[in-house]
Amino acid sequence: MSKTIKVALAGAGAFGIKHMDGIKNIDGVEVISLVGRELAKTQEVAAKYGIQHVTTHLADSLALPEVDAVILCTPTQMHASQSLACLQAGKHVQVEIPLADSWKDADEVVRIAQQKSLVAMCGHTRRFNPSHQWVNKKIKAGEFNIQQMDVQTYFFRRTNMNALGQARSWTDHLLWHHAAHTVDLFAYQCGSPIVKANAVQGPIHPALGIAMDMSIQLQAANGAICTLSLSFNNDGPLGTYFRYIGDTGTYLARYDDLYTGKEEQIDVSKVDVSMNGIELQDREFFAAIKEGREPNSSVAQVLPCYKVLHDLEQQLA
């Protein structure tokens, strides 16, 4: 494929904007349609990015014959059904993490993607962050083996707000969204499937209806372990921090930055063509479309993560 890939982007909020900012740096790709919940706000965002077609219905964008691919930055509860709609319409699709909020739905997306022979990818951004890529390259070179990953995912979400501090129309979830990042990354970095998983959770929030605190333990088939602590009650510092404890060193990954266990910063600026994990994720999606291949973080590759989340959900129930 040599022509410009024309994209519809659903979700004009914080993450939709991150994707549009990343796509500006990628040649041969153009966002031509923007879908949002509120028309006026969506039109305002579209005007900033020079997008002509604006709608509040994904079906309107899918009906455009010139649209080749769709990026979904919509509420978690819509991810599976919208991914299926894109695939059924013959469009390549990248859906933000998580792929689904149930094992059954995740499995169905994989089945239809394979049936349609379309590129279907899930935004497991940690696979693309330069910090985690650096560690991955060291593992593949045989210079580092993970013994333990210690991960903290901490936010302050006692009210339904998004990353921009705006009211959300949906409820986020520690297990199906935030744990998905680490569950997938642990198996990916170890190069070994998860064979044991345990979880406990704190009290259910009376208004949001979700657990605000959670602890997860994982073990890979190769013996490596992972301890993951998650909270929506944490009043700073916010974010996700990864400690890789291995046989030849310790590394601390903080989004796109990486440090040794002694807090010495490691230069990861030459790991990839950008320091922006979202942009690198998008570059992989469009490259896979042009080259007619399976992308890193395809829905099929990340499916085992959702089986682990399903099993953990059954435990917690």
Protein backbone atom coordinates (compact mmCIF):
# COMPACT_ATOMS: atom_id res chain seq x y z
CA MET A 1 0.00 0.00 0.00
CA SER A 2 1.60 3.26 -1.14
CA LYS A 3 -1.37 5.61 -0.94
CA THR A 4 -2.12 7.81 2.05
CA ILE A 5 -3.90 5.87 4.80
CA LYS A 6 -7.10 7.71 5.65
CA VAL A 7 -8.16 7.40 9.28
CA ALA A 8 -11.30 7.90 11.32
CA LEU A 9 -10.64 8.61 14.97
CA ALA A 10 -13.36 7.98 17.55
CA GLY A 11 -12.96 9.83 20.84
CA ALA A 12 -12.07 13.52 20.91
CA GLY A 13 -10.91 13.50 24.53
CA ALA A 14 -7.48 13.33 26.14
CA PHE A 15 -6.26 10.18 24.41
CA GLY A 16 -7.76 11.01 21.05
CA ILE A 17 -5.76 14.23 21.11
CA LYS A 18 -2.59 12.30 22.01
CA HIS A 19 -3.09 10.10 18.97
CA MET A 20 -3.71 13.06 16.67
CA ASP A 21 -0.56 14.76 17.95
CA GLY A 22 1.41 11.59 17.22
CA ILE A 23 -0.10 11.09 13.77
CA LYS A 24 1.02 14.60 12.76
CA ASN A 25 4.58 13.21 12.77
CA ILE A 26 3.82 10.17 10.59
CA ASP A 27 4.09 10.48 6.81
CA GLY A 28 1.41 8.98 4.60
CA VAL A 29 -1.38 9.10 7.18
CA GLU A 30 -4.29 11.54 7.43
CA VAL A 31 -7.16 11.75 9.94
CA ILE A 32 -10.21 12.63 7.84
CA SER A 33 -13.07 11.94 10.28
CA LEU A 34 -13.51 12.65 13.98
CA VAL A 35 -16.19 11.06 16.16
CA GLY A 36 -17.14 12.51 19.53
CA ARG A 37 -19.92 12.37 22.10
CA GLU A 38 -20.66 16.11 22.05
CA LEU A 39 -20.86 17.67 18.59
CA ALA A 40 -19.77 21.22 19.49
CA LYS A 41 -16.70 20.07 21.43
CA THR A 42 -15.79 17.59 18.71
CA GLN A 43 -16.07 20.28 16.03
CA GLU A 44 -13.77 22.50 18.09
CA VAL A 45 -11.10 19.78 18.29
CA ALA A 46 -11.52 18.91 14.60
CA ALA A 47 -10.98 22.55 13.61
CA LYS A 48 -7.63 22.59 15.44
CA TYR A 49 -6.45 19.56 13.45
CA GLY A 50 -7.98 20.46 10.09
CA ILE A 51 -10.42 17.55 10.08
CA GLN A 52 -13.42 18.17 7.84
CA HIS A 53 -15.80 15.33 8.73
CA VAL A 54 -17.25 15.46 12.24
CA THR A 55 -19.97 13.24 13.69
CA THR A 56 -21.35 11.84 16.92
CA HIS A 57 -21.92 8.38 15.40
CA LEU A 58 -19.16 5.92 14.52
CA ALA A 59 -21.42 4.40 11.86
CA ASP A 60 -21.22 7.67 9.89
CA SER A 61 -17.43 7.37 9.70
CA LEU A 62 -17.55 3.67 8.85
CA ALA A 63 -19.86 4.49 5.95
CA LEU A 64 -17.17 6.64 4.31
CA PRO A 65 -15.59 4.47 1.58
CA GLU A 66 -12.35 6.44 1.72
CA VAL A 67 -11.72 5.49 5.37
CA ASP A 68 -9.09 2.74 5.53
CA ALA A 69 -8.59 2.45 9.27
CA VAL A 70 -10.11 3.47 12.59
CA ILE A 71 -8.52 4.34 15.93
CA LEU A 72 -10.86 3.92 18.90
CA CYS A 73 -10.24 6.12 21.97
CA THR A 74 -13.70 5.62 23.41
CA PRO A 75 -14.98 4.37 26.79
CA THR A 76 -13.81 0.89 27.81
CA GLN A 77 -17.32 -0.54 27.72
CA MET A 78 -17.60 0.28 23.99
CA HIS A 79 -14.25 -1.12 22.84
CA ALA A 80 -15.26 -4.64 21.83
CA SER A 81 -18.53 -3.74 20.10
CA GLN A 82 -16.95 -0.85 18.21
CA SER A 83 -13.94 -2.96 17.19
CA LEU A 84 -16.33 -5.55 15.79
CA ALA A 85 -18.28 -2.85 13.93
CA CYS A 86 -15.06 -1.57 12.32
CA LEU A 87 -13.98 -5.05 11.26
CA GLN A 88 -17.42 -5.91 9.90
CA ALA A 89 -17.24 -2.67 7.86
CA GLY A 90 -13.92 -3.84 6.37
CA LYS A 91 -11.75 -1.30 8.23
CA HIS A 92 -8.44 -1.95 9.94
CA VAL A 93 -8.74 -1.05 13.62
CA GLN A 94 -6.58 -0.02 16.54
CA VAL A 95 -8.46 0.09 19.83
CA GLU A 96 -7.05 1.72 22.92
CA ILE A 97 -6.40 -0.52 25.90
CA PRO A 98 -8.32 -2.53 27.03
CA LEU A 99 -9.48 -4.65 24.11
CA ALA A 100 -12.63 -5.54 26.08
CA ASP A 101 -13.97 -5.76 29.60
CA SER A 102 -14.79 -9.47 29.31
CA TRP A 103 -12.96 -12.55 28.05
CA LYS A 104 -15.85 -13.55 25.78
CA ASP A 105 -15.83 -10.20 23.96
CA ALA A 106 -12.04 -10.13 23.61
CA ASP A 107 -12.07 -13.62 22.10
CA GLU A 108 -14.79 -12.62 19.64
CA VAL A 109 -12.80 -9.61 18.38
CA VAL A 110 -9.82 -11.88 17.70
CA ARG A 111 -12.03 -14.38 15.87
CA ILE A 112 -13.58 -11.78 13.56
CA ALA A 113 -10.22 -10.05 12.90
CA GLN A 114 -8.77 -13.36 11.75
CA GLN A 115 -11.88 -14.13 9.70
CA LYS A 116 -11.69 -10.73 7.93
CA SER A 117 -7.87 -10.79 7.50
CA LEU A 118 -7.64 -7.19 8.69
CA VAL A 119 -5.04 -5.51 10.90
CA ALA A 120 -6.49 -5.38 14.41
CA MET A 121 -4.31 -3.99 17.17
CA CYS A 122 -4.77 -3.02 20.80
CA GLY A 123 -2.99 -0.05 22.37
CA HIS A 124 -0.76 -1.85 24.86
CA THR A 125 1.52 1.19 24.90
CA ARG A 126 4.09 -0.23 27.32
CA ARG A 127 5.37 -2.50 24.55
CA PHE A 128 6.32 0.67 22.65
CA ASN A 129 7.64 3.04 25.32
CA PRO A 130 11.41 3.49 24.69
CA SER A 131 12.15 2.63 28.33
CA HIS A 132 10.50 -0.79 28.08
CA GLN A 133 11.87 -1.34 24.57
CA TRP A 134 15.40 -0.81 25.96
CA VAL A 135 14.83 -3.50 28.57
CA ASN A 136 13.30 -5.81 25.94
CA LYS A 137 16.34 -5.46 23.68
CA LYS A 138 18.64 -6.28 26.62
CA ILE A 139 16.57 -9.41 27.38
CA LYS A 140 16.62 -10.54 23.74
CA ALA A 141 20.39 -10.02 23.62
CA GLY A 142 20.74 -12.42 26.56
CA GLU A 143 22.15 -9.67 28.81
CA PHE A 144 19.30 -9.48 31.33
CA ASN A 145 16.68 -11.85 32.71
CA ILE A 146 13.77 -10.72 34.84
CA GLN A 147 13.54 -12.25 38.30
CA GLN A 148 10.80 -9.92 39.54
CA MET A 149 8.79 -6.95 38.35
CA ASP A 150 7.42 -4.62 41.00
CA VAL A 151 4.81 -2.24 39.61
CA GLN A 152 2.79 0.60 41.15
CA THR A 153 -0.18 2.07 39.26
CA TYR A 154 -1.50 4.98 41.29
CA PHE A 155 -4.14 7.60 40.46
CA PHE A 156 -6.53 9.84 42.37
CA ARG A 157 -9.96 9.06 40.92
CA ARG A 158 -12.51 9.40 43.73
CA THR A 159 -14.70 11.23 41.23
CA ASN A 160 -15.31 10.33 37.59
CA MET A 161 -12.71 12.56 35.90
CA ASN A 162 -10.46 11.99 32.89
CA ALA A 163 -6.78 12.84 32.36
CA LEU A 164 -7.73 16.44 31.49
CA GLY A 165 -9.72 16.89 34.70
CA GLN A 166 -13.04 16.74 32.84
CA ALA A 167 -16.11 14.76 33.93
CA ARG A 168 -16.26 11.28 32.41
CA SER A 169 -19.38 9.69 30.93
CA TRP A 170 -18.16 6.22 31.98
CA THR A 171 -16.36 4.52 34.86
CA ASP A 172 -12.72 3.43 34.62
CA HIS A 173 -11.61 0.08 36.05
CA LEU A 174 -8.41 -1.00 37.82
CA LEU A 175 -8.55 -4.63 36.65
CA TRP A 176 -9.81 -4.46 33.07
CA HIS A 177 -7.93 -1.28 32.13
CA HIS A 178 -4.94 -0.48 34.31
CA ALA A 179 -3.90 -4.02 35.25
CA ALA A 180 -4.04 -4.97 31.57
CA HIS A 181 -0.93 -2.84 30.90
CA THR A 182 1.20 -4.74 33.40
CA VAL A 183 -0.24 -8.23 32.89
CA ASP A 184 0.56 -8.04 29.18
CA LEU A 185 3.94 -6.35 29.64
CA PHE A 186 5.11 -8.92 32.21
CA ALA A 187 4.43 -11.88 29.89
CA TYR A 188 5.82 -9.97 26.88
CA GLN A 189 9.08 -9.00 28.59
CA CYS A 190 9.58 -12.46 30.11
CA GLY A 191 8.79 -14.15 26.81
CA SER A 192 6.88 -16.64 28.92
CA PRO A 193 3.15 -17.15 29.57
CA ILE A 194 1.57 -16.39 32.93
CA VAL A 195 0.77 -19.62 34.78
CA LYS A 196 -0.27 -18.31 38.21
CA ALA A 197 -2.33 -15.24 39.08
CA ASN A 198 -3.86 -14.08 42.37
CA ALA A 199 -5.68 -10.91 43.36
CA VAL A 200 -7.29 -9.17 46.33
CA GLN A 201 -9.21 -5.91 46.28
CA GLY A 202 -10.29 -3.26 48.73
CA PRO A 203 -13.78 -1.90 49.46
CA ILE A 204 -16.19 -1.11 46.61
CA HIS A 205 -16.78 2.63 46.16
CA PRO A 206 -20.43 3.39 47.03
CA ALA A 207 -20.99 5.74 44.07
CA LEU A 208 -18.60 4.45 41.39
CA GLY A 209 -19.34 0.78 42.08
CA ILE A 210 -15.72 -0.33 41.62
CA ALA A 211 -12.85 -1.37 43.87
CA MET A 212 -10.53 1.58 44.41
CA ASP A 213 -7.54 -0.52 45.53
CA MET A 214 -6.18 -3.82 44.26
CA SER A 215 -3.14 -6.07 44.60
CA ILE A 216 -2.14 -8.70 42.00
CA GLN A 217 0.54 -11.39 42.02
CA LEU A 218 1.70 -13.12 38.84
CA GLN A 219 4.14 -15.87 37.94
CA ALA A 220 5.40 -16.73 34.47
CA ALA A 221 6.19 -20.25 33.30
CA ASN A 222 9.92 -19.44 33.43
CA GLY A 223 9.65 -18.71 37.19
CA ALA A 224 9.73 -14.90 37.10
CA ILE A 225 7.24 -13.13 39.39
CA CYS A 226 5.39 -9.83 39.32
CA THR A 227 3.77 -7.83 42.11
CA LEU A 228 1.30 -5.15 41.00
CA SER A 229 -0.29 -2.59 43.32
CA LEU A 230 -3.12 -0.41 41.95
CA SER A 231 -5.08 2.45 43.52
CA PHE A 232 -7.55 5.17 42.62
CA ASN A 233 -7.18 6.52 46.19
CA ASN A 234 -3.57 7.67 45.93
CA ASP A 235 -3.12 11.44 46.30
CA GLY A 236 0.25 11.70 44.51
CA PRO A 237 2.63 11.11 42.98
CA LEU A 238 0.47 9.80 40.15
CA GLY A 239 1.28 7.39 37.34
CA THR A 240 2.73 3.92 36.82
CA TYR A 241 6.24 2.99 37.90
CA PHE A 242 8.00 -0.25 36.98
CA ARG A 243 10.95 -1.80 38.79
CA TYR A 244 12.69 -4.56 36.84
CA ILE A 245 14.78 -6.71 39.17
CA GLY A 246 16.99 -9.05 37.18
CA ASP A 247 20.05 -11.24 37.29
CA THR A 248 22.43 -8.52 36.07
CA GLY A 249 20.84 -5.28 37.27
CA THR A 250 17.81 -3.29 38.36
CA TYR A 251 15.98 -0.82 36.14
CA LEU A 252 13.25 1.72 36.93
CA ALA A 253 10.91 2.63 34.08
CA ARG A 254 8.74 5.72 34.37
CA TYR A 255 6.78 6.01 31.15
CA ASP A 256 9.35 6.89 28.45
CA ASP A 257 12.22 7.43 30.93
CA LEU A 258 14.53 4.76 32.36
CA TYR A 259 16.91 4.72 35.35
CA THR A 260 19.23 2.22 37.01
CA GLY A 261 18.43 1.06 40.52
CA LYS A 262 20.85 3.76 41.70
CA GLU A 263 18.71 6.45 39.98
CA GLU A 264 21.21 6.99 37.16
CA GLN A 265 19.28 7.99 34.04
CA ILE A 266 19.76 5.81 30.96
CA ASP A 267 19.66 7.51 27.55
CA VAL A 268 16.86 5.82 25.60
CA SER A 269 16.55 8.57 22.97
CA LYS A 270 18.13 6.37 20.27
CA VAL A 271 15.98 3.30 20.93
CA ASP A 272 13.36 4.29 18.35
CA VAL A 273 12.44 7.14 16.00
CA SER A 274 10.44 8.93 18.70
CA MET A 275 10.30 9.21 22.48
CA ASN A 276 6.48 9.24 22.33
CA GLY A 277 5.02 5.79 23.09
CA ILE A 278 1.63 6.63 21.56
CA GLU A 279 3.26 7.82 18.33
CA LEU A 280 5.38 4.65 18.16
CA GLN A 281 2.26 2.56 18.73
CA ASP A 282 0.52 4.36 15.84
CA ARG A 283 3.57 3.97 13.61
CA GLU A 284 3.44 0.20 14.14
CA PHE A 285 -0.29 0.11 13.29
CA PHE A 286 0.13 1.97 10.01
CA ALA A 287 3.31 0.09 9.05
CA ALA A 288 1.47 -3.22 9.53
CA ILE A 289 -1.33 -2.01 7.25
CA LYS A 290 1.10 -0.90 4.54
CA GLU A 291 3.19 -4.07 4.79
CA GLY A 292 0.23 -6.46 5.11
CA ARG A 293 1.51 -8.07 8.32
CA GLU A 294 0.51 -8.69 11.92
CA PRO A 295 1.47 -5.78 14.18
CA ASN A 296 3.20 -6.00 17.53
CA SER A 297 0.34 -5.85 20.07
CA SER A 298 -2.16 -7.39 17.67
CA VAL A 299 -5.43 -8.44 19.29
CA ALA A 300 -4.32 -12.06 18.93
CA GLN A 301 -1.01 -11.41 20.70
CA VAL A 302 -2.62 -9.66 23.67
CA LEU A 303 -5.53 -12.10 24.03
CA PRO A 304 -3.78 -14.19 26.76
CA CYS A 305 -3.71 -11.07 28.94
CA TYR A 306 -7.51 -10.93 28.91
CA LYS A 307 -7.78 -14.59 29.89
CA VAL A 308 -5.66 -13.79 32.98
CA LEU A 309 -7.88 -10.78 33.76
CA HIS A 310 -10.96 -12.99 33.38
CA ASP A 311 -9.52 -15.56 35.79
CA LEU A 312 -8.66 -12.81 38.29
CA GLU A 313 -12.19 -11.42 38.00
CA GLN A 314 -13.57 -14.86 38.84
CA GLN A 315 -11.34 -15.00 41.93
CA LEU A 316 -12.46 -11.57 43.10
CA ALA A 317 -16.11 -12.46 42.59
